[in-house]
mmCIF file of all heavy atoms, coordinates in Angstrom:
data_MODEL
# 
_entry.id   MODEL 
# 
loop_
_atom_site.group_PDB 
_atom_site.id 
_atom_site.type_symbol 
_atom_site.label_atom_id 
_atom_site.label_alt_id 
_atom_site.label_comp_id 
_atom_site.label_asym_id 
_atom_site.label_entity_id 
_atom_site.label_seq_id 
_atom_site.pdbx_PDB_ins_code 
_atom_site.Cartn_x 
_atom_site.Cartn_y 
_atom_site.Cartn_z 
_atom_site.occupancy 
_atom_site.B_iso_or_equiv 
_atom_site.pdbx_formal_charge 
_atom_site.auth_seq_id 
_atom_site.auth_comp_id 
_atom_site.auth_asym_id 
_atom_site.auth_atom_id 
_atom_site.pdbx_PDB_model_num 
ATOM 1   N N   . GLY A 1 1  ? 60.163 48.682 16.873 1.00 0.00 ? 1  GLY A N   1 
ATOM 2   C CA  . GLY A 1 1  ? 60.352 50.057 17.293 1.00 0.00 ? 1  GLY A CA  1 
ATOM 3   C C   . GLY A 1 1  ? 60.656 51.038 16.176 1.00 0.00 ? 1  GLY A C   1 
ATOM 4   O O   . GLY A 1 1  ? 61.020 52.181 16.445 1.00 0.00 ? 1  GLY A O   1 
ATOM 5   N N   . LEU A 1 2  ? 60.514 50.605 14.910 1.00 0.00 ? 2  LEU A N   1 
ATOM 6   C CA  . LEU A 1 2  ? 60.761 51.520 13.808 1.00 0.00 ? 2  LEU A CA  1 
ATOM 7   C C   . LEU A 1 2  ? 59.690 52.604 13.768 1.00 0.00 ? 2  LEU A C   1 
ATOM 8   O O   . LEU A 1 2  ? 58.524 52.346 14.059 1.00 0.00 ? 2  LEU A O   1 
ATOM 9   C CB  . LEU A 1 2  ? 60.765 50.770 12.470 1.00 0.00 ? 2  LEU A CB  1 
ATOM 10  C CG  . LEU A 1 2  ? 62.109 50.171 12.027 1.00 0.00 ? 2  LEU A CG  1 
ATOM 11  C CD1 . LEU A 1 2  ? 62.558 49.080 12.980 1.00 0.00 ? 2  LEU A CD1 1 
ATOM 12  C CD2 . LEU A 1 2  ? 61.999 49.635 10.618 1.00 0.00 ? 2  LEU A CD2 1 
ATOM 13  N N   . SER A 1 3  ? 60.101 53.793 13.400 1.00 0.00 ? 3  SER A N   1 
ATOM 14  C CA  . SER A 1 3  ? 59.163 54.908 13.256 1.00 0.00 ? 3  SER A CA  1 
ATOM 15  C C   . SER A 1 3  ? 58.400 54.747 11.945 1.00 0.00 ? 3  SER A C   1 
ATOM 16  O O   . SER A 1 3  ? 58.774 53.937 11.081 1.00 0.00 ? 3  SER A O   1 
ATOM 17  C CB  . SER A 1 3  ? 59.923 56.231 13.230 1.00 0.00 ? 3  SER A CB  1 
ATOM 18  O OG  . SER A 1 3  ? 60.702 56.319 12.039 1.00 0.00 ? 3  SER A OG  1 
ATOM 19  N N   . LEU A 1 4  ? 57.346 55.543 11.780 1.00 0.00 ? 4  LEU A N   1 
ATOM 20  C CA  . LEU A 1 4  ? 56.605 55.511 10.513 1.00 0.00 ? 4  LEU A CA  1 
ATOM 21  C C   . LEU A 1 4  ? 57.519 55.868 9.356  1.00 0.00 ? 4  LEU A C   1 
ATOM 22  O O   . LEU A 1 4  ? 57.400 55.296 8.262  1.00 0.00 ? 4  LEU A O   1 
ATOM 23  C CB  . LEU A 1 4  ? 55.401 56.447 10.562 1.00 0.00 ? 4  LEU A CB  1 
ATOM 24  C CG  . LEU A 1 4  ? 54.243 55.998 11.441 1.00 0.00 ? 4  LEU A CG  1 
ATOM 25  C CD1 . LEU A 1 4  ? 53.124 57.042 11.397 1.00 0.00 ? 4  LEU A CD1 1 
ATOM 26  C CD2 . LEU A 1 4  ? 53.718 54.648 11.023 1.00 0.00 ? 4  LEU A CD2 1 
ATOM 27  N N   . SER A 1 5  ? 58.434 56.797 9.559  1.00 0.00 ? 5  SER A N   1 
ATOM 28  C CA  . SER A 1 5  ? 59.378 57.185 8.504  1.00 0.00 ? 5  SER A CA  1 
ATOM 29  C C   . SER A 1 5  ? 60.272 56.012 8.117  1.00 0.00 ? 5  SER A C   1 
ATOM 30  O O   . SER A 1 5  ? 60.549 55.800 6.928  1.00 0.00 ? 5  SER A O   1 
ATOM 31  C CB  . SER A 1 5  ? 60.234 58.363 8.955  1.00 0.00 ? 5  SER A CB  1 
ATOM 32  O OG  . SER A 1 5  ? 59.453 59.509 9.128  1.00 0.00 ? 5  SER A OG  1 
ATOM 33  N N   . GLN A 1 6  ? 60.726 55.270 9.107  1.00 0.00 ? 6  GLN A N   1 
ATOM 34  C CA  . GLN A 1 6  ? 61.583 54.116 8.831  1.00 0.00 ? 6  GLN A CA  1 
ATOM 35  C C   . GLN A 1 6  ? 60.809 53.008 8.126  1.00 0.00 ? 6  GLN A C   1 
ATOM 36  O O   . GLN A 1 6  ? 61.339 52.360 7.221  1.00 0.00 ? 6  GLN A O   1 
ATOM 37  C CB  . GLN A 1 6  ? 62.201 53.601 10.131 1.00 0.00 ? 6  GLN A CB  1 
ATOM 38  C CG  . GLN A 1 6  ? 63.210 54.563 10.725 1.00 0.00 ? 6  GLN A CG  1 
ATOM 39  C CD  . GLN A 1 6  ? 63.626 54.161 12.135 1.00 0.00 ? 6  GLN A CD  1 
ATOM 40  O OE1 . GLN A 1 6  ? 62.786 53.810 12.968 1.00 0.00 ? 6  GLN A OE1 1 
ATOM 41  N NE2 . GLN A 1 6  ? 64.920 54.235 12.402 1.00 0.00 ? 6  GLN A NE2 1 
ATOM 42  N N   . ILE A 1 7  ? 59.570 52.795 8.541  1.00 0.00 ? 7  ILE A N   1 
ATOM 43  C CA  . ILE A 1 7  ? 58.743 51.786 7.878  1.00 0.00 ? 7  ILE A CA  1 
ATOM 44  C C   . ILE A 1 7  ? 58.484 52.211 6.438  1.00 0.00 ? 7  ILE A C   1 
ATOM 45  O O   . ILE A 1 7  ? 58.576 51.391 5.513  1.00 0.00 ? 7  ILE A O   1 
ATOM 46  C CB  . ILE A 1 7  ? 57.425 51.547 8.640  1.00 0.00 ? 7  ILE A CB  1 
ATOM 47  C CG1 . ILE A 1 7  ? 57.723 50.943 10.026 1.00 0.00 ? 7  ILE A CG1 1 
ATOM 48  C CG2 . ILE A 1 7  ? 56.501 50.620 7.848  1.00 0.00 ? 7  ILE A CG2 1 
ATOM 49  C CD1 . ILE A 1 7  ? 56.514 50.843 10.944 1.00 0.00 ? 7  ILE A CD1 1 
ATOM 50  N N   . ALA A 1 8  ? 58.189 53.498 6.219  1.00 0.00 ? 8  ALA A N   1 
ATOM 51  C CA  . ALA A 1 8  ? 57.973 54.003 4.862  1.00 0.00 ? 8  ALA A CA  1 
ATOM 52  C C   . ALA A 1 8  ? 59.202 53.733 4.001  1.00 0.00 ? 8  ALA A C   1 
ATOM 53  O O   . ALA A 1 8  ? 59.084 53.295 2.844  1.00 0.00 ? 8  ALA A O   1 
ATOM 54  C CB  . ALA A 1 8  ? 57.656 55.493 4.893  1.00 0.00 ? 8  ALA A CB  1 
ATOM 55  N N   . HIS A 1 9  ? 60.383 53.968 4.557  1.00 0.00 ? 9  HIS A N   1 
ATOM 56  C CA  . HIS A 1 9  ? 61.625 53.705 3.827  1.00 0.00 ? 9  HIS A CA  1 
ATOM 57  C C   . HIS A 1 9  ? 61.726 52.224 3.452  1.00 0.00 ? 9  HIS A C   1 
ATOM 58  O O   . HIS A 1 9  ? 62.063 51.880 2.319  1.00 0.00 ? 9  HIS A O   1 
ATOM 59  C CB  . HIS A 1 9  ? 62.827 54.129 4.669  1.00 0.00 ? 9  HIS A CB  1 
ATOM 60  C CG  . HIS A 1 9  ? 64.135 53.761 4.069  1.00 0.00 ? 9  HIS A CG  1 
ATOM 61  N ND1 . HIS A 1 9  ? 64.718 54.485 3.050  1.00 0.00 ? 9  HIS A ND1 1 
ATOM 62  C CD2 . HIS A 1 9  ? 64.968 52.728 4.313  1.00 0.00 ? 9  HIS A CD2 1 
ATOM 63  C CE1 . HIS A 1 9  ? 65.853 53.911 2.709  1.00 0.00 ? 9  HIS A CE1 1 
ATOM 64  N NE2 . HIS A 1 9  ? 66.030 52.838 3.462  1.00 0.00 ? 9  HIS A NE2 1 
ATOM 65  N N   . ASN A 1 10 ? 61.417 51.346 4.410  1.00 0.00 ? 10 ASN A N   1 
ATOM 66  C CA  . ASN A 1 10 ? 61.471 49.897 4.146  1.00 0.00 ? 10 ASN A CA  1 
ATOM 67  C C   . ASN A 1 10 ? 60.475 49.483 3.071  1.00 0.00 ? 10 ASN A C   1 
ATOM 68  O O   . ASN A 1 10 ? 60.754 48.582 2.278  1.00 0.00 ? 10 ASN A O   1 
ATOM 69  C CB  . ASN A 1 10 ? 61.210 49.105 5.429  1.00 0.00 ? 10 ASN A CB  1 
ATOM 70  C CG  . ASN A 1 10 ? 62.375 49.155 6.388  1.00 0.00 ? 10 ASN A CG  1 
ATOM 71  O OD1 . ASN A 1 10 ? 63.429 49.701 6.107  1.00 0.00 ? 10 ASN A OD1 1 
ATOM 72  N ND2 . ASN A 1 10 ? 62.179 48.587 7.567  1.00 0.00 ? 10 ASN A ND2 1 
ATOM 73  N N   . VAL A 1 11 ? 59.314 50.134 3.069  1.00 0.00 ? 11 VAL A N   1 
ATOM 74  C CA  . VAL A 1 11 ? 58.275 49.831 2.086  1.00 0.00 ? 11 VAL A CA  1 
ATOM 75  C C   . VAL A 1 11 ? 58.670 50.385 0.708  1.00 0.00 ? 11 VAL A C   1 
ATOM 76  O O   . VAL A 1 11 ? 58.251 49.868 -0.320 1.00 0.00 ? 11 VAL A O   1 
ATOM 77  C CB  . VAL A 1 11 ? 56.921 50.406 2.564  1.00 0.00 ? 11 VAL A CB  1 
ATOM 78  C CG1 . VAL A 1 11 ? 55.872 50.387 1.479  1.00 0.00 ? 11 VAL A CG1 1 
ATOM 79  C CG2 . VAL A 1 11 ? 56.429 49.623 3.780  1.00 0.00 ? 11 VAL A CG2 1 
ATOM 80  N N   . GLY A 1 12 ? 59.476 51.447 0.718  1.00 0.00 ? 12 GLY A N   1 
ATOM 81  C CA  . GLY A 1 12 ? 59.950 52.031 -0.528 1.00 0.00 ? 12 GLY A CA  1 
ATOM 82  C C   . GLY A 1 12 ? 59.118 53.202 -1.021 1.00 0.00 ? 12 GLY A C   1 
ATOM 83  O O   . GLY A 1 12 ? 59.056 53.457 -2.224 1.00 0.00 ? 12 GLY A O   1 
ATOM 84  N N   . VAL A 1 13 ? 58.471 53.912 -0.076 1.00 0.00 ? 13 VAL A N   1 
ATOM 85  C CA  . VAL A 1 13 ? 57.651 55.065 -0.441 1.00 0.00 ? 13 VAL A CA  1 
ATOM 86  C C   . VAL A 1 13 ? 58.004 56.244 0.468  1.00 0.00 ? 13 VAL A C   1 
ATOM 87  O O   . VAL A 1 13 ? 58.634 56.073 1.507  1.00 0.00 ? 13 VAL A O   1 
ATOM 88  C CB  . VAL A 1 13 ? 56.133 54.764 -0.343 1.00 0.00 ? 13 VAL A CB  1 
ATOM 89  C CG1 . VAL A 1 13 ? 55.740 53.658 -1.304 1.00 0.00 ? 13 VAL A CG1 1 
ATOM 90  C CG2 . VAL A 1 13 ? 55.723 54.402 1.081  1.00 0.00 ? 13 VAL A CG2 1 
ATOM 91  N N   . ALA A 1 14 ? 57.550 57.425 0.073  1.00 0.00 ? 14 ALA A N   1 
ATOM 92  C CA  . ALA A 1 14 ? 57.753 58.625 0.877  1.00 0.00 ? 14 ALA A CA  1 
ATOM 93  C C   . ALA A 1 14 ? 56.932 58.537 2.161  1.00 0.00 ? 14 ALA A C   1 
ATOM 94  O O   . ALA A 1 14 ? 55.907 57.848 2.207  1.00 0.00 ? 14 ALA A O   1 
ATOM 95  C CB  . ALA A 1 14 ? 57.340 59.862 0.082  1.00 0.00 ? 14 ALA A CB  1 
ATOM 96  N N   . ASP A 1 15 ? 57.384 59.263 3.165  1.00 0.00 ? 15 ASP A N   1 
ATOM 97  C CA  . ASP A 1 15 ? 56.649 59.307 4.441  1.00 0.00 ? 15 ASP A CA  1 
ATOM 98  C C   . ASP A 1 15 ? 55.186 59.679 4.221  1.00 0.00 ? 15 ASP A C   1 
ATOM 99  O O   . ASP A 1 15 ? 54.290 59.054 4.780  1.00 0.00 ? 15 ASP A O   1 
ATOM 100 C CB  . ASP A 1 15 ? 57.256 60.340 5.398  1.00 0.00 ? 15 ASP A CB  1 
ATOM 101 C CG  . ASP A 1 15 ? 58.642 59.976 5.879  1.00 0.00 ? 15 ASP A CG  1 
ATOM 102 O OD1 . ASP A 1 15 ? 59.156 58.907 5.507  1.00 0.00 ? 15 ASP A OD1 1 
ATOM 103 O OD2 . ASP A 1 15 ? 59.206 60.772 6.649  1.00 0.00 ? 15 ASP A OD2 1 
ATOM 104 N N   . SER A 1 16 ? 54.969 60.715 3.418  1.00 0.00 ? 16 SER A N   1 
ATOM 105 C CA  . SER A 1 16 ? 53.599 61.196 3.201  1.00 0.00 ? 16 SER A CA  1 
ATOM 106 C C   . SER A 1 16 ? 52.733 60.135 2.537  1.00 0.00 ? 16 SER A C   1 
ATOM 107 O O   . SER A 1 16 ? 51.554 60.002 2.868  1.00 0.00 ? 16 SER A O   1 
ATOM 108 C CB  . SER A 1 16 ? 53.602 62.473 2.356  1.00 0.00 ? 16 SER A CB  1 
ATOM 109 O OG  . SER A 1 16 ? 54.235 62.243 1.101  1.00 0.00 ? 16 SER A OG  1 
ATOM 110 N N   . THR A 1 17 ? 53.313 59.368 1.641  1.00 0.00 ? 17 THR A N   1 
ATOM 111 C CA  . THR A 1 17 ? 52.561 58.298 0.972  1.00 0.00 ? 17 THR A CA  1 
ATOM 112 C C   . THR A 1 17 ? 52.187 57.215 1.970  1.00 0.00 ? 17 THR A C   1 
ATOM 113 O O   . THR A 1 17 ? 51.041 56.759 2.010  1.00 0.00 ? 17 THR A O   1 
ATOM 114 C CB  . THR A 1 17 ? 53.387 57.690 -0.180 1.00 0.00 ? 17 THR A CB  1 
ATOM 115 O OG1 . THR A 1 17 ? 53.670 58.721 -1.132 1.00 0.00 ? 17 THR A OG1 1 
ATOM 116 C CG2 . THR A 1 17 ? 52.656 56.542 -0.851 1.00 0.00 ? 17 THR A CG2 1 
ATOM 117 N N   . PHE A 1 18 ? 53.135 56.829 2.811  1.00 0.00 ? 18 PHE A N   1 
ATOM 118 C CA  . PHE A 1 18 ? 52.850 55.778 3.784  1.00 0.00 ? 18 PHE A CA  1 
ATOM 119 C C   . PHE A 1 18 ? 51.809 56.226 4.786  1.00 0.00 ? 18 PHE A C   1 
ATOM 120 O O   . PHE A 1 18 ? 50.912 55.465 5.156  1.00 0.00 ? 18 PHE A O   1 
ATOM 121 C CB  . PHE A 1 18 ? 54.122 55.316 4.498  1.00 0.00 ? 18 PHE A CB  1 
ATOM 122 C CG  . PHE A 1 18 ? 53.887 54.109 5.354  1.00 0.00 ? 18 PHE A CG  1 
ATOM 123 C CD1 . PHE A 1 18 ? 53.658 52.869 4.771  1.00 0.00 ? 18 PHE A CD1 1 
ATOM 124 C CD2 . PHE A 1 18 ? 53.854 54.205 6.728  1.00 0.00 ? 18 PHE A CD2 1 
ATOM 125 C CE1 . PHE A 1 18 ? 53.405 51.750 5.548  1.00 0.00 ? 18 PHE A CE1 1 
ATOM 126 C CE2 . PHE A 1 18 ? 53.602 53.102 7.515  1.00 0.00 ? 18 PHE A CE2 1 
ATOM 127 C CZ  . PHE A 1 18 ? 53.384 51.864 6.925  1.00 0.00 ? 18 PHE A CZ  1 
ATOM 128 N N   . ARG A 1 19 ? 51.879 57.472 5.228  1.00 0.00 ? 19 ARG A N   1 
ATOM 129 C CA  . ARG A 1 19 ? 50.882 57.996 6.170  1.00 0.00 ? 19 ARG A CA  1 
ATOM 130 C C   . ARG A 1 19 ? 49.492 58.023 5.526  1.00 0.00 ? 19 ARG A C   1 
ATOM 131 O O   . ARG A 1 19 ? 48.492 57.727 6.181  1.00 0.00 ? 19 ARG A O   1 
ATOM 132 C CB  . ARG A 1 19 ? 51.292 59.380 6.667  1.00 0.00 ? 19 ARG A CB  1 
ATOM 133 C CG  . ARG A 1 19 ? 52.497 59.326 7.578  1.00 0.00 ? 19 ARG A CG  1 
ATOM 134 C CD  . ARG A 1 19 ? 52.997 60.722 7.967  1.00 0.00 ? 19 ARG A CD  1 
ATOM 135 N NE  . ARG A 1 19 ? 54.327 60.662 8.533  1.00 0.00 ? 19 ARG A NE  1 
ATOM 136 C CZ  . ARG A 1 19 ? 54.607 60.380 9.792  1.00 0.00 ? 19 ARG A CZ  1 
ATOM 137 N NH1 . ARG A 1 19 ? 53.629 60.130 10.637 1.00 0.00 ? 19 ARG A NH1 1 
ATOM 138 N NH2 . ARG A 1 19 ? 55.838 60.348 10.227 1.00 0.00 ? 19 ARG A NH2 1 
ATOM 139 N N   . LYS A 1 20 ? 49.442 58.334 4.237  1.00 0.00 ? 20 LYS A N   1 
ATOM 140 C CA  . LYS A 1 20 ? 48.167 58.320 3.515  1.00 0.00 ? 20 LYS A CA  1 
ATOM 141 C C   . LYS A 1 20 ? 47.620 56.892 3.463  1.00 0.00 ? 20 LYS A C   1 
ATOM 142 O O   . LYS A 1 20 ? 46.437 56.673 3.698  1.00 0.00 ? 20 LYS A O   1 
ATOM 143 C CB  . LYS A 1 20 ? 48.364 58.872 2.100  1.00 0.00 ? 20 LYS A CB  1 
ATOM 144 C CG  . LYS A 1 20 ? 47.099 58.939 1.291  1.00 0.00 ? 20 LYS A CG  1 
ATOM 145 C CD  . LYS A 1 20 ? 47.360 59.544 -0.083 1.00 0.00 ? 20 LYS A CD  1 
ATOM 146 C CE  . LYS A 1 20 ? 46.088 59.500 -0.913 1.00 0.00 ? 20 LYS A CE  1 
ATOM 147 N NZ  . LYS A 1 20 ? 46.301 59.970 -2.276 1.00 0.00 ? 20 LYS A NZ  1 
ATOM 148 N N   . TRP A 1 21 ? 48.495 55.930 3.170  1.00 0.00 ? 21 TRP A N   1 
ATOM 149 C CA  . TRP A 1 21 ? 48.062 54.526 3.152  1.00 0.00 ? 21 TRP A CA  1 
ATOM 150 C C   . TRP A 1 21 ? 47.515 54.134 4.512  1.00 0.00 ? 21 TRP A C   1 
ATOM 151 O O   . TRP A 1 21 ? 46.494 53.461 4.613  1.00 0.00 ? 21 TRP A O   1 
ATOM 152 C CB  . TRP A 1 21 ? 49.229 53.605 2.816  1.00 0.00 ? 21 TRP A CB  1 
ATOM 153 C CG  . TRP A 1 21 ? 49.729 53.669 1.414  1.00 0.00 ? 21 TRP A CG  1 
ATOM 154 C CD1 . TRP A 1 21 ? 49.282 54.465 0.393  1.00 0.00 ? 21 TRP A CD1 1 
ATOM 155 C CD2 . TRP A 1 21 ? 50.796 52.898 0.878  1.00 0.00 ? 21 TRP A CD2 1 
ATOM 156 N NE1 . TRP A 1 21 ? 50.016 54.225 -0.730 1.00 0.00 ? 21 TRP A NE1 1 
ATOM 157 C CE2 . TRP A 1 21 ? 50.951 53.267 -0.474 1.00 0.00 ? 21 TRP A CE2 1 
ATOM 158 C CE3 . TRP A 1 21 ? 51.647 51.933 1.399  1.00 0.00 ? 21 TRP A CE3 1 
ATOM 159 C CZ2 . TRP A 1 21 ? 51.908 52.705 -1.303 1.00 0.00 ? 21 TRP A CZ2 1 
ATOM 160 C CZ3 . TRP A 1 21 ? 52.603 51.372 0.574  1.00 0.00 ? 21 TRP A CZ3 1 
ATOM 161 C CH2 . TRP A 1 21 ? 52.733 51.749 -0.757 1.00 0.00 ? 21 TRP A CH2 1 
ATOM 162 N N   . ARG A 1 22 ? 48.222 54.515 5.574  1.00 0.00 ? 22 ARG A N   1 
ATOM 163 C CA  . ARG A 1 22 ? 47.787 54.179 6.937  1.00 0.00 ? 22 ARG A CA  1 
ATOM 164 C C   . ARG A 1 22 ? 46.403 54.754 7.219  1.00 0.00 ? 22 ARG A C   1 
ATOM 165 O O   . ARG A 1 22 ? 45.550 54.087 7.798  1.00 0.00 ? 22 ARG A O   1 
ATOM 166 C CB  . ARG A 1 22 ? 48.792 54.724 7.945  1.00 0.00 ? 22 ARG A CB  1 
ATOM 167 C CG  . ARG A 1 22 ? 48.417 54.434 9.384  1.00 0.00 ? 22 ARG A CG  1 
ATOM 168 C CD  . ARG A 1 22 ? 49.124 55.332 10.346 1.00 0.00 ? 22 ARG A CD  1 
ATOM 169 N NE  . ARG A 1 22 ? 48.780 56.729 10.056 1.00 0.00 ? 22 ARG A NE  1 
ATOM 170 C CZ  . ARG A 1 22 ? 49.378 57.766 10.601 1.00 0.00 ? 22 ARG A CZ  1 
ATOM 171 N NH1 . ARG A 1 22 ? 50.370 57.594 11.443 1.00 0.00 ? 22 ARG A NH1 1 
ATOM 172 N NH2 . ARG A 1 22 ? 49.007 58.996 10.308 1.00 0.00 ? 22 ARG A NH2 1 
ATOM 173 N N   . ASP A 1 23 ? 46.185 55.986 6.780  1.00 0.00 ? 23 ASP A N   1 
ATOM 174 C CA  . ASP A 1 23 ? 44.904 56.645 7.022  1.00 0.00 ? 23 ASP A CA  1 
ATOM 175 C C   . ASP A 1 23 ? 43.772 56.066 6.178  1.00 0.00 ? 23 ASP A C   1 
ATOM 176 O O   . ASP A 1 23 ? 42.626 56.071 6.602  1.00 0.00 ? 23 ASP A O   1 
ATOM 177 C CB  . ASP A 1 23 ? 45.023 58.151 6.757  1.00 0.00 ? 23 ASP A CB  1 
ATOM 178 C CG  . ASP A 1 23 ? 45.958 58.847 7.744  1.00 0.00 ? 23 ASP A CG  1 
ATOM 179 O OD1 . ASP A 1 23 ? 46.275 58.248 8.802  1.00 0.00 ? 23 ASP A OD1 1 
ATOM 180 O OD2 . ASP A 1 23 ? 46.381 59.983 7.443  1.00 0.00 ? 23 ASP A OD2 1 
ATOM 181 N N   . GLU A 1 24 ? 44.095 55.577 4.991  1.00 0.00 ? 24 GLU A N   1 
ATOM 182 C CA  . GLU A 1 24 ? 43.069 55.089 4.063  1.00 0.00 ? 24 GLU A CA  1 
ATOM 183 C C   . GLU A 1 24 ? 42.810 53.590 4.155  1.00 0.00 ? 24 GLU A C   1 
ATOM 184 O O   . GLU A 1 24 ? 41.781 53.124 3.674  1.00 0.00 ? 24 GLU A O   1 
ATOM 185 C CB  . GLU A 1 24 ? 43.466 55.437 2.625  1.00 0.00 ? 24 GLU A CB  1 
ATOM 186 C CG  . GLU A 1 24 ? 43.445 56.925 2.346  1.00 0.00 ? 24 GLU A CG  1 
ATOM 187 C CD  . GLU A 1 24 ? 43.870 57.273 0.939  1.00 0.00 ? 24 GLU A CD  1 
ATOM 188 O OE1 . GLU A 1 24 ? 44.308 56.373 0.175  1.00 0.00 ? 24 GLU A OE1 1 
ATOM 189 O OE2 . GLU A 1 24 ? 43.770 58.459 0.572  1.00 0.00 ? 24 GLU A OE2 1 
ATOM 190 N N   . HIS A 1 25 ? 43.722 52.837 4.754  1.00 0.00 ? 25 HIS A N   1 
ATOM 191 C CA  . HIS A 1 25 ? 43.598 51.365 4.777  1.00 0.00 ? 25 HIS A CA  1 
ATOM 192 C C   . HIS A 1 25 ? 43.685 50.868 6.218  1.00 0.00 ? 25 HIS A C   1 
ATOM 193 O O   . HIS A 1 25 ? 44.758 50.854 6.827  1.00 0.00 ? 25 HIS A O   1 
ATOM 194 C CB  . HIS A 1 25 ? 44.679 50.719 3.904  1.00 0.00 ? 25 HIS A CB  1 
ATOM 195 C CG  . HIS A 1 25 ? 44.633 51.195 2.487  1.00 0.00 ? 25 HIS A CG  1 
ATOM 196 N ND1 . HIS A 1 25 ? 43.693 50.753 1.592  1.00 0.00 ? 25 HIS A ND1 1 
ATOM 197 C CD2 . HIS A 1 25 ? 45.373 52.120 1.835  1.00 0.00 ? 25 HIS A CD2 1 
ATOM 198 C CE1 . HIS A 1 25 ? 43.873 51.364 0.430  1.00 0.00 ? 25 HIS A CE1 1 
ATOM 199 N NE2 . HIS A 1 25 ? 44.879 52.213 0.559  1.00 0.00 ? 25 HIS A NE2 1 
ATOM 200 N N   . GLU A 1 26 ? 42.546 50.464 6.738  1.00 0.00 ? 26 GLU A N   1 
ATOM 201 C CA  . GLU A 1 26 ? 42.457 50.007 8.128  1.00 0.00 ? 26 GLU A CA  1 
ATOM 202 C C   . GLU A 1 26 ? 43.422 48.861 8.412  1.00 0.00 ? 26 GLU A C   1 
ATOM 203 O O   . GLU A 1 26 ? 43.970 48.771 9.516  1.00 0.00 ? 26 GLU A O   1 
ATOM 204 C CB  . GLU A 1 26 ? 41.027 49.593 8.459  1.00 0.00 ? 26 GLU A CB  1 
ATOM 205 C CG  . GLU A 1 26 ? 40.827 49.088 9.868  1.00 0.00 ? 26 GLU A CG  1 
ATOM 206 C CD  . GLU A 1 26 ? 41.264 50.069 10.952 1.00 0.00 ? 26 GLU A CD  1 
ATOM 207 O OE1 . GLU A 1 26 ? 41.137 51.288 10.754 1.00 0.00 ? 26 GLU A OE1 1 
ATOM 208 O OE2 . GLU A 1 26 ? 41.751 49.602 12.005 1.00 0.00 ? 26 GLU A OE2 1 
ATOM 209 N N   . ALA A 1 27 ? 43.660 47.990 7.444  1.00 0.00 ? 27 ALA A N   1 
ATOM 210 C CA  . ALA A 1 27 ? 44.547 46.849 7.670  1.00 0.00 ? 27 ALA A CA  1 
ATOM 211 C C   . ALA A 1 27 ? 45.970 47.306 7.974  1.00 0.00 ? 27 ALA A C   1 
ATOM 212 O O   . ALA A 1 27 ? 46.643 46.739 8.843  1.00 0.00 ? 27 ALA A O   1 
ATOM 213 C CB  . ALA A 1 27 ? 44.532 45.919 6.454  1.00 0.00 ? 27 ALA A CB  1 
# 
């Protein structure tokens, strides 16, 4: 149930970076 912002934090990147990864990488 983590939000994209929380997942981005866990991954260690900014929200905008994680959203870009999500949009660019189907996996």
